[in-house]
Amino acid sequence: MDYNIDLFYSYYYRNIGI
Protein backbone atom coordinates (compact mmCIF):
# COMPACT_ATOMS: atom_id res chain seq x y z
CA MET A 1 0.00 0.00 0.00
CA ASP A 2 2.92 2.29 -0.63
CA TYR A 3 2.48 2.54 -4.39
CA ASN A 4 -0.96 4.07 -3.84
CA ILE A 5 0.53 6.71 -1.57
CA ASP A 6 2.02 8.51 -4.57
CA LEU A 7 -1.34 8.65 -6.32
CA PHE A 8 -3.16 9.63 -3.16
CA TYR A 9 -0.62 12.31 -2.32
CA SER A 10 -0.80 13.75 -5.81
CA TYR A 11 -4.59 13.85 -5.72
CA TYR A 12 -4.74 15.17 -2.16
CA TYR A 13 -2.13 17.84 -2.79
CA ARG A 14 -3.95 18.96 -5.92
CA ASN A 15 -7.20 19.08 -3.95
CA ILE A 16 -5.65 21.28 -1.27
CA GLY A 17 -4.24 23.65 -3.86
CA ILE A 18 -0.62 23.68 -2.74
PDB file of N, CA and C in Angstrom:
ATOM      1  N   MET A   1       0.838  -1.212   0.000  1.00  0.00           N
ATOM      2  CA  MET A   1       0.000   0.000   0.000  1.00  0.00           C
ATOM      3  C   MET A   1       0.868   1.255   0.000  1.00  0.00           C
ATOM      4  N   ASP A   2       2.015   1.142  -0.579  1.00  0.00           N
ATOM      5  CA  ASP A   2       2.920   2.293  -0.635  1.00  0.00           C
ATOM      6  C   ASP A   2       2.938   2.886  -2.043  1.00  0.00           C
ATOM      7  N   TYR A   3       2.521   2.056  -3.010  1.00  0.00           N
ATOM      8  CA  TYR A   3       2.478   2.539  -4.389  1.00  0.00           C
ATOM      9  C   TYR A   3       1.264   3.451  -4.589  1.00  0.00           C
ATOM     10  N   ASN A   4       0.251   3.251  -3.756  1.00  0.00           N
ATOM     11  CA  ASN A   4      -0.961   4.067  -3.840  1.00  0.00           C
ATOM     12  C   ASN A   4      -0.747   5.414  -3.169  1.00  0.00           C
ATOM     13  N   ILE A   5       0.247   5.469  -2.300  1.00  0.00           N
ATOM     14  CA  ILE A   5       0.533   6.712  -1.569  1.00  0.00           C
ATOM     15  C   ILE A   5       0.848   7.833  -2.560  1.00  0.00           C
ATOM     16  N   ASP A   6       1.637   7.519  -3.567  1.00  0.00           N
ATOM     17  CA  ASP A   6       2.022   8.513  -4.568  1.00  0.00           C
ATOM     18  C   ASP A   6       0.788   9.091  -5.245  1.00  0.00           C
ATOM     19  N   LEU A   7      -0.117   8.211  -5.648  1.00  0.00           N
ATOM     20  CA  LEU A   7      -1.342   8.650  -6.324  1.00  0.00           C
ATOM     21  C   LEU A   7      -2.212   9.449  -5.374  1.00  0.00           C
ATOM     22  N   PHE A   8      -2.341   8.957  -4.161  1.00  0.00           N
ATOM     23  CA  PHE A   8      -3.163   9.627  -3.157  1.00  0.00           C
ATOM     24  C   PHE A   8      -2.590  10.999  -2.826  1.00  0.00           C
ATOM     25  N   TYR A   9      -1.287  11.052  -2.649  1.00  0.00           N
ATOM     26  CA  TYR A   9      -0.619  12.311  -2.318  1.00  0.00           C
ATOM     27  C   TYR A   9      -0.824  13.332  -3.431  1.00  0.00           C
ATOM     28  N   SER A  10      -0.641  12.873  -4.650  1.00  0.00           N
ATOM     29  CA  SER A  10      -0.800  13.754  -5.811  1.00  0.00           C
ATOM     30  C   SER A  10      -2.220  14.306  -5.865  1.00  0.00           C
ATOM     31  N   TYR A  11      -3.186  13.437  -5.670  1.00  0.00           N
ATOM     32  CA  TYR A  11      -4.594  13.846  -5.718  1.00  0.00           C
ATOM     33  C   TYR A  11      -4.926  14.761  -4.547  1.00  0.00           C
ATOM     34  N   TYR A  12      -4.464  14.388  -3.370  1.00  0.00           N
ATOM     35  CA  TYR A  12      -4.737  15.169  -2.159  1.00  0.00           C
ATOM     36  C   TYR A  12      -4.101  16.549  -2.261  1.00  0.00           C
ATOM     37  N   TYR A  13      -2.842  16.571  -2.673  1.00  0.00           N
ATOM     38  CA  TYR A  13      -2.129  17.842  -2.793  1.00  0.00           C
ATOM     39  C   TYR A  13      -2.824  18.760  -3.788  1.00  0.00           C
ATOM     40  N   ARG A  14      -3.280  18.170  -4.880  1.00  0.00           N
ATOM     41  CA  ARG A  14      -3.953  18.964  -5.916  1.00  0.00           C
ATOM     42  C   ARG A  14      -5.284  19.484  -5.389  1.00  0.00           C
ATOM     43  N   ASN A  15      -5.924  18.701  -4.525  1.00  0.00           N
ATOM     44  CA  ASN A  15      -7.202  19.084  -3.948  1.00  0.00           C
ATOM     45  C   ASN A  15      -7.016  20.251  -2.988  1.00  0.00           C
ATOM     46  N   ILE A  16      -5.925  20.213  -2.243  1.00  0.00           N
ATOM     47  CA  ILE A  16      -5.648  21.276  -1.271  1.00  0.00           C
ATOM     48  C   ILE A  16      -5.345  22.588  -2.004  1.00  0.00           C
ATOM     49  N   GLY A  17      -4.581  22.457  -3.084  1.00  0.00           N
ATOM     50  CA  GLY A  17      -4.236  23.649  -3.856  1.00  0.00           C
ATOM     51  C   GLY A  17      -2.873  24.182  -3.482  1.00  0.00           C
ATOM     52  N   ILE A  18      -1.970  23.264  -3.140  1.00  0.00           N
ATOM     53  CA  ILE A  18      -0.616  23.678  -2.741  1.00  0.00           C
ATOM     54  C   ILE A  18       0.251  23.859  -3.982  1.00  0.00           C
TER      55      ILE A  18
END
